[in-house]
């Protein structure tokens, strides 16, 4: 299966659907839930859930060809929660904790997904694959992000009620919203109403 468009289609608490592209696979993984208050959004409840999410992610893996066991599910949740802590620290300009970096490095050390060229010339992945391979690829993406040129451009959405995190790849480095279709538009509507009042 080849890569599709980057990003995910999410549904807001109000029920509207919008496209969210965090700019990196590792940040896209954060949409599966998280620690603390984010636990209520957790979609990784059983091994099959990780395979299903991988089909929706920018990896576009066929869930029928991804084998995930209980240990890999536990690693997925641990890696995701760790990535949340690292991302939040980076949004505040802080250095990640050494223990959190060790979790990412440990996950990245496993064998990753094997890339291939698809018949249509696009990128594909050798299947079948394991959940561990997918998690290694996610962790390696985090290593690339955290050591690359955009390491200081990890941002949290500017909306007071949104916790989504993205990497700002815009030329001026001034992206404020997770998605203009959601938080950006809501901000513009509120600002317009405030000017009218």
C-alpha atoms as a PDB file:
ATOM      1  CA  UNK A   1       0.000   0.000   0.000  1.00  0.00           C
ATOM      2  CA  UNK A   2       1.406   3.411  -0.889  1.00  0.00           C
ATOM      3  CA  UNK A   3       1.541   6.525   1.254  1.00  0.00           C
ATOM      4  CA  UNK A   4      -1.534   8.685   0.966  1.00  0.00           C
ATOM      5  CA  UNK A   5      -1.879  12.348   1.823  1.00  0.00           C
ATOM      6  CA  UNK A   6      -0.279  13.291   5.095  1.00  0.00           C
ATOM      7  CA  UNK A   7      -2.441  13.910   8.105  1.00  0.00           C
ATOM      8  CA  UNK A   8      -5.580  12.527   9.626  1.00  0.00           C
ATOM      9  CA  UNK A   9      -9.246  13.339   9.434  1.00  0.00           C
ATOM     10  CA  UNK A  10     -10.366  14.091  12.986  1.00  0.00           C
ATOM     11  CA  UNK A  11     -13.747  14.850  14.516  1.00  0.00           C
ATOM     12  CA  UNK A  12     -14.041  17.795  16.894  1.00  0.00           C
ATOM     13  CA  UNK A  13     -16.053  17.602  20.139  1.00  0.00           C
ATOM     14  CA  UNK A  14     -18.764  19.539  18.272  1.00  0.00           C
ATOM     15  CA  UNK A  15     -18.942  16.735  15.686  1.00  0.00           C
ATOM     16  CA  UNK A  16     -17.338  18.536  12.741  1.00  0.00           C
ATOM     17  CA  UNK A  17     -14.680  16.739  10.712  1.00  0.00           C
ATOM     18  CA  UNK A  18     -11.432  18.432   9.732  1.00  0.00           C
ATOM     19  CA  UNK A  19      -7.994  17.560   8.386  1.00  0.00           C
ATOM     20  CA  UNK A  20      -5.081  17.708  10.835  1.00  0.00           C
ATOM     21  CA  UNK A  21      -1.518  17.398   9.596  1.00  0.00           C
ATOM     22  CA  UNK A  22       0.954  17.634  12.461  1.00  0.00           C
ATOM     23  CA  UNK A  23       3.884  17.438  10.027  1.00  0.00           C
ATOM     24  CA  UNK A  24       5.449  14.288  11.498  1.00  0.00           C
ATOM     25  CA  UNK A  25       4.380  10.684  11.990  1.00  0.00           C
ATOM     26  CA  UNK A  26       5.439  10.725  15.653  1.00  0.00           C
ATOM     27  CA  UNK A  27       3.175  13.712  16.352  1.00  0.00           C
ATOM     28  CA  UNK A  28       0.348  12.127  14.371  1.00  0.00           C
ATOM     29  CA  UNK A  29       0.621   9.173  16.771  1.00  0.00           C
ATOM     30  CA  UNK A  30      -0.353  11.503  19.646  1.00  0.00           C
ATOM     31  CA  UNK A  31      -3.931  11.611  18.320  1.00  0.00           C
ATOM     32  CA  UNK A  32      -4.459   8.083  19.707  1.00  0.00           C
ATOM     33  CA  UNK A  33      -4.856   9.378  23.276  1.00  0.00           C
ATOM     34  CA  UNK A  34      -2.341  10.052  25.986  1.00  0.00           C
ATOM     35  CA  UNK A  35      -1.571  10.347  29.674  1.00  0.00           C
ATOM     36  CA  UNK A  36      -3.689  12.068  32.312  1.00  0.00           C
ATOM     37  CA  UNK A  37      -6.721  13.920  30.966  1.00  0.00           C
ATOM     38  CA  UNK A  38      -5.924  12.661  27.452  1.00  0.00           C
ATOM     39  CA  UNK A  39      -6.672   9.082  28.539  1.00  0.00           C
ATOM     40  CA  UNK A  40     -10.353   9.658  27.786  1.00  0.00           C
ATOM     41  CA  UNK A  41      -9.425   9.880  24.072  1.00  0.00           C
ATOM     42  CA  UNK A  42      -7.440   6.635  24.098  1.00  0.00           C
ATOM     43  CA  UNK A  43      -8.216   4.500  21.046  1.00  0.00           C
ATOM     44  CA  UNK A  44      -5.516   1.900  21.749  1.00  0.00           C
ATOM     45  CA  UNK A  45      -7.494  -0.490  23.930  1.00  0.00           C
ATOM     46  CA  UNK A  46      -6.652  -3.794  22.260  1.00  0.00           C
ATOM     47  CA  UNK A  47      -3.906  -4.923  19.847  1.00  0.00           C
ATOM     48  CA  UNK A  48      -6.155  -4.682  16.783  1.00  0.00           C
ATOM     49  CA  UNK A  49      -6.700  -0.968  17.545  1.00  0.00           C
ATOM     50  CA  UNK A  50      -3.051  -0.192  16.777  1.00  0.00           C
ATOM     51  CA  UNK A  51      -3.271  -1.982  13.426  1.00  0.00           C
ATOM     52  CA  UNK A  52      -6.471  -0.062  12.618  1.00  0.00           C
ATOM     53  CA  UNK A  53      -4.841   3.272  13.490  1.00  0.00           C
ATOM     54  CA  UNK A  54      -1.819   2.479  11.306  1.00  0.00           C
ATOM     55  CA  UNK A  55      -4.210   2.228   8.357  1.00  0.00           C
ATOM     56  CA  UNK A  56      -5.441   5.784   9.047  1.00  0.00           C
ATOM     57  CA  UNK A  57      -1.971   7.219   9.628  1.00  0.00           C
ATOM     58  CA  UNK A  58       0.380   8.480   6.952  1.00  0.00           C
ATOM     59  CA  UNK A  59       1.838   4.960   6.850  1.00  0.00           C
ATOM     60  CA  UNK A  60      -1.448   3.652   5.362  1.00  0.00           C
ATOM     61  CA  UNK A  61      -0.722   0.058   6.381  1.00  0.00           C
ATOM     62  CA  UNK A  62      -3.358  -2.571   5.633  1.00  0.00           C
ATOM     63  CA  UNK A  63      -4.482  -3.702   9.115  1.00  0.00           C
ATOM     64  CA  UNK A  64      -4.962  -7.247   7.839  1.00  0.00           C
ATOM     65  CA  UNK A  65      -1.201  -7.363   7.212  1.00  0.00           C
ATOM     66  CA  UNK A  66      -0.080  -5.958  10.584  1.00  0.00           C
ATOM     67  CA  UNK A  67       0.249  -8.366  13.484  1.00  0.00           C
ATOM     68  CA  UNK A  68       0.115  -6.659  16.899  1.00  0.00           C
ATOM     69  CA  UNK A  69       0.406  -8.520  20.196  1.00  0.00           C
ATOM     70  CA  UNK A  70      -0.331  -7.405  23.768  1.00  0.00           C
ATOM     71  CA  UNK A  71       3.313  -6.497  24.483  1.00  0.00           C
ATOM     72  CA  UNK A  72       3.457  -4.290  21.382  1.00  0.00           C
ATOM     73  CA  UNK A  73       0.225  -2.586  22.426  1.00  0.00           C
ATOM     74  CA  UNK A  74       1.755  -1.846  25.848  1.00  0.00           C
ATOM     75  CA  UNK A  75       4.879  -0.467  24.140  1.00  0.00           C
ATOM     76  CA  UNK A  76       2.680   1.657  21.846  1.00  0.00           C
ATOM     77  CA  UNK A  77       0.949   3.286  24.802  1.00  0.00           C
ATOM     78  CA  UNK A  78       4.240   3.804  26.641  1.00  0.00           C
ATOM     79  CA  UNK A  79       5.871   5.333  23.554  1.00  0.00           C
ATOM     80  CA  UNK A  80       2.861   7.573  22.868  1.00  0.00           C
ATOM     81  CA  UNK A  81       2.706   8.864  26.453  1.00  0.00           C
ATOM     82  CA  UNK A  82       6.457   9.489  26.380  1.00  0.00           C
ATOM     83  CA  UNK A  83       6.166  11.387  23.100  1.00  0.00           C
ATOM     84  CA  UNK A  84       3.468  13.575  24.685  1.00  0.00           C
ATOM     85  CA  UNK A  85       5.811  14.498  27.560  1.00  0.00           C
ATOM     86  CA  UNK A  86       8.674  15.226  25.165  1.00  0.00           C
ATOM     87  CA  UNK A  87       6.482  17.289  22.825  1.00  0.00           C
ATOM     88  CA  UNK A  88       5.059  19.353  25.670  1.00  0.00           C
ATOM     89  CA  UNK A  89       8.533  20.091  27.009  1.00  0.00           C
ATOM     90  CA  UNK A  90       9.680  21.103  23.515  1.00  0.00           C
ATOM     91  CA  UNK A  91       6.705  23.465  23.084  1.00  0.00           C
ATOM     92  CA  UNK A  92       7.960  25.271  26.207  1.00  0.00           C
ATOM     93  CA  UNK A  93      11.578  25.298  24.996  1.00  0.00           C
ATOM     94  CA  UNK A  94      12.631  22.760  27.641  1.00  0.00           C
ATOM     95  CA  UNK A  95      14.958  19.807  27.249  1.00  0.00           C
ATOM     96  CA  UNK A  96      13.247  16.395  27.380  1.00  0.00           C
ATOM     97  CA  UNK A  97      13.885  14.162  30.386  1.00  0.00           C
ATOM     98  CA  UNK A  98      16.660  11.595  29.936  1.00  0.00           C
ATOM     99  CA  UNK A  99      14.326   8.705  30.877  1.00  0.00           C
ATOM    100  CA  UNK A 100      11.861   9.767  28.168  1.00  0.00           C
ATOM    101  CA  UNK A 101      14.590   9.914  25.546  1.00  0.00           C
ATOM    102  CA  UNK A 102      15.636   6.406  26.589  1.00  0.00           C
ATOM    103  CA  UNK A 103      12.109   5.102  25.867  1.00  0.00           C
ATOM    104  CA  UNK A 104      12.212   6.590  22.362  1.00  0.00           C
ATOM    105  CA  UNK A 105      15.716   5.254  21.741  1.00  0.00           C
ATOM    106  CA  UNK A 106      14.705   1.788  22.933  1.00  0.00           C
ATOM    107  CA  UNK A 107      11.705   1.701  20.586  1.00  0.00           C
ATOM    108  CA  UNK A 108      13.811   3.026  17.692  1.00  0.00           C
ATOM    109  CA  UNK A 109      16.400   0.262  18.190  1.00  0.00           C
ATOM    110  CA  UNK A 110      14.046  -2.433  16.916  1.00  0.00           C
ATOM    111  CA  UNK A 111      13.748  -3.327  13.241  1.00  0.00           C
ATOM    112  CA  UNK A 112      11.600  -0.733  11.419  1.00  0.00           C
ATOM    113  CA  UNK A 113       9.166  -1.120   8.566  1.00  0.00           C
ATOM    114  CA  UNK A 114      10.934  -1.945   5.312  1.00  0.00           C
ATOM    115  CA  UNK A 115      10.270   0.614   2.559  1.00  0.00           C
ATOM    116  CA  UNK A 116       9.623  -0.428  -1.011  1.00  0.00           C
ATOM    117  CA  UNK A 117       8.775   1.211  -4.322  1.00  0.00           C
ATOM    118  CA  UNK A 118       5.198   0.426  -5.311  1.00  0.00           C
ATOM    119  CA  UNK A 119       4.106  -0.382  -8.858  1.00  0.00           C
ATOM    120  CA  UNK A 120       2.829   3.188  -9.239  1.00  0.00           C
ATOM    121  CA  UNK A 121       6.229   4.593  -8.234  1.00  0.00           C
ATOM    122  CA  UNK A 122       5.094   5.678  -4.763  1.00  0.00           C
ATOM    123  CA  UNK A 123       6.372   4.509  -1.415  1.00  0.00           C
ATOM    124  CA  UNK A 124       5.039   1.289   0.058  1.00  0.00           C
ATOM    125  CA  UNK A 125       5.972  -0.989   2.941  1.00  0.00           C
ATOM    126  CA  UNK A 126       6.908  -4.646   2.889  1.00  0.00           C
ATOM    127  CA  UNK A 127       4.034  -6.571   4.406  1.00  0.00           C
ATOM    128  CA  UNK A 128       3.194  -8.430   6.506  1.00  0.00           C
ATOM    129  CA  UNK A 129       4.683  -6.392   9.322  1.00  0.00           C
ATOM    130  CA  UNK A 130       4.542  -6.359  13.099  1.00  0.00           C
ATOM    131  CA  UNK A 131       3.381  -3.708  15.499  1.00  0.00           C
ATOM    132  CA  UNK A 132       6.961  -3.537  16.753  1.00  0.00           C
ATOM    133  CA  UNK A 133       8.219  -2.584  13.297  1.00  0.00           C
ATOM    134  CA  UNK A 134       5.641   0.193  13.048  1.00  0.00           C
ATOM    135  CA  UNK A 135       6.539   1.478  16.514  1.00  0.00           C
ATOM    136  CA  UNK A 136      10.241   1.464  15.629  1.00  0.00           C
ATOM    137  CA  UNK A 137       9.421   3.552  12.551  1.00  0.00           C
ATOM    138  CA  UNK A 138       7.408   5.995  14.690  1.00  0.00           C
ATOM    139  CA  UNK A 139      10.256   6.248  17.214  1.00  0.00           C
ATOM    140  CA  UNK A 140      12.812   6.788  14.426  1.00  0.00           C
ATOM    141  CA  UNK A 141      10.611   9.561  13.078  1.00  0.00           C
ATOM    142  CA  UNK A 142      10.731  11.133  16.561  1.00  0.00           C
ATOM    143  CA  UNK A 143      14.534  10.879  16.590  1.00  0.00           C
ATOM    144  CA  UNK A 144      14.659  12.583  13.188  1.00  0.00           C
ATOM    145  CA  UNK A 145      12.305  15.345  14.334  1.00  0.00           C
ATOM    146  CA  UNK A 146      14.010  15.965  17.681  1.00  0.00           C
ATOM    147  CA  UNK A 147      17.503  16.079  16.152  1.00  0.00           C
ATOM    148  CA  UNK A 148      16.579  17.807  12.897  1.00  0.00           C
ATOM    149  CA  UNK A 149      16.111  21.356  11.687  1.00  0.00           C
ATOM    150  CA  UNK A 150      12.531  21.599  13.013  1.00  0.00           C
ATOM    151  CA  UNK A 151      13.314  20.451  16.567  1.00  0.00           C
ATOM    152  CA  UNK A 152      12.641  23.973  17.859  1.00  0.00           C
ATOM    153  CA  UNK A 153       9.422  24.327  15.884  1.00  0.00           C
ATOM    154  CA  UNK A 154       7.228  21.896  17.771  1.00  0.00           C
ATOM    155  CA  UNK A 155       4.137  23.872  18.735  1.00  0.00           C
ATOM    156  CA  UNK A 156       0.885  23.423  20.627  1.00  0.00           C
ATOM    157  CA  UNK A 157      -2.275  24.756  19.011  1.00  0.00           C
ATOM    158  CA  UNK A 158      -2.962  28.357  20.058  1.00  0.00           C
ATOM    159  CA  UNK A 159      -6.600  27.658  20.935  1.00  0.00           C
ATOM    160  CA  UNK A 160      -7.187  27.613  24.693  1.00  0.00           C
ATOM    161  CA  UNK A 161      -9.247  24.408  24.465  1.00  0.00           C
ATOM    162  CA  UNK A 162      -7.038  22.436  22.049  1.00  0.00           C
ATOM    163  CA  UNK A 163      -3.997  20.387  23.013  1.00  0.00           C
ATOM    164  CA  UNK A 164      -2.956  19.148  19.567  1.00  0.00           C
ATOM    165  CA  UNK A 165       0.756  19.391  18.816  1.00  0.00           C
ATOM    166  CA  UNK A 166       2.359  19.956  15.414  1.00  0.00           C
ATOM    167  CA  UNK A 167       5.677  20.836  13.827  1.00  0.00           C
ATOM    168  CA  UNK A 168       5.645  24.279  12.242  1.00  0.00           C
ATOM    169  CA  UNK A 169       7.214  23.872   8.808  1.00  0.00           C
ATOM    170  CA  UNK A 170       5.890  27.202   7.505  1.00  0.00           C
ATOM    171  CA  UNK A 171       8.529  29.506   6.068  1.00  0.00           C
ATOM    172  CA  UNK A 172       8.075  32.268   8.674  1.00  0.00           C
ATOM    173  CA  UNK A 173       7.606  29.760  11.521  1.00  0.00           C
ATOM    174  CA  UNK A 174       4.411  31.392  12.759  1.00  0.00           C
ATOM    175  CA  UNK A 175       1.780  28.664  12.467  1.00  0.00           C
ATOM    176  CA  UNK A 176      -0.631  29.016  15.398  1.00  0.00           C
ATOM    177  CA  UNK A 177      -3.432  26.529  14.823  1.00  0.00           C
ATOM    178  CA  UNK A 178      -3.732  22.767  14.577  1.00  0.00           C
ATOM    179  CA  UNK A 179      -5.941  23.389  11.539  1.00  0.00           C
ATOM    180  CA  UNK A 180      -7.390  26.576  10.104  1.00  0.00           C
ATOM    181  CA  UNK A 181     -10.621  24.655   9.415  1.00  0.00           C
ATOM    182  CA  UNK A 182     -11.111  24.156  13.136  1.00  0.00           C
ATOM    183  CA  UNK A 183      -9.285  26.330  15.632  1.00  0.00           C
ATOM    184  CA  UNK A 184      -8.182  29.032  13.222  1.00  0.00           C
ATOM    185  CA  UNK A 185     -11.725  29.598  11.984  1.00  0.00           C
ATOM    186  CA  UNK A 186     -13.165  29.526  15.508  1.00  0.00           C
ATOM    187  CA  UNK A 187     -10.640  32.186  16.532  1.00  0.00           C
ATOM    188  CA  UNK A 188     -11.554  34.384  13.550  1.00  0.00           C
ATOM    189  CA  UNK A 189     -15.271  34.062  14.319  1.00  0.00           C
ATOM    190  CA  UNK A 190     -14.719  34.978  17.990  1.00  0.00           C
ATOM    191  CA  UNK A 191     -12.562  37.962  16.981  1.00  0.00           C
ATOM    192  CA  UNK A 192     -15.215  39.136  14.521  1.00  0.00           C
ATOM    193  CA  UNK A 193     -17.944  38.881  17.150  1.00  0.00           C
ATOM    194  CA  UNK A 194     -15.802  40.774  19.642  1.00  0.00           C
ATOM    195  CA  UNK A 195     -15.273  43.602  17.135  1.00  0.00           C
ATOM    196  CA  UNK A 196     -19.010  43.790  16.446  1.00  0.00           C
ATOM    197  CA  UNK A 197     -19.879  43.928  20.168  1.00  0.00           C
END
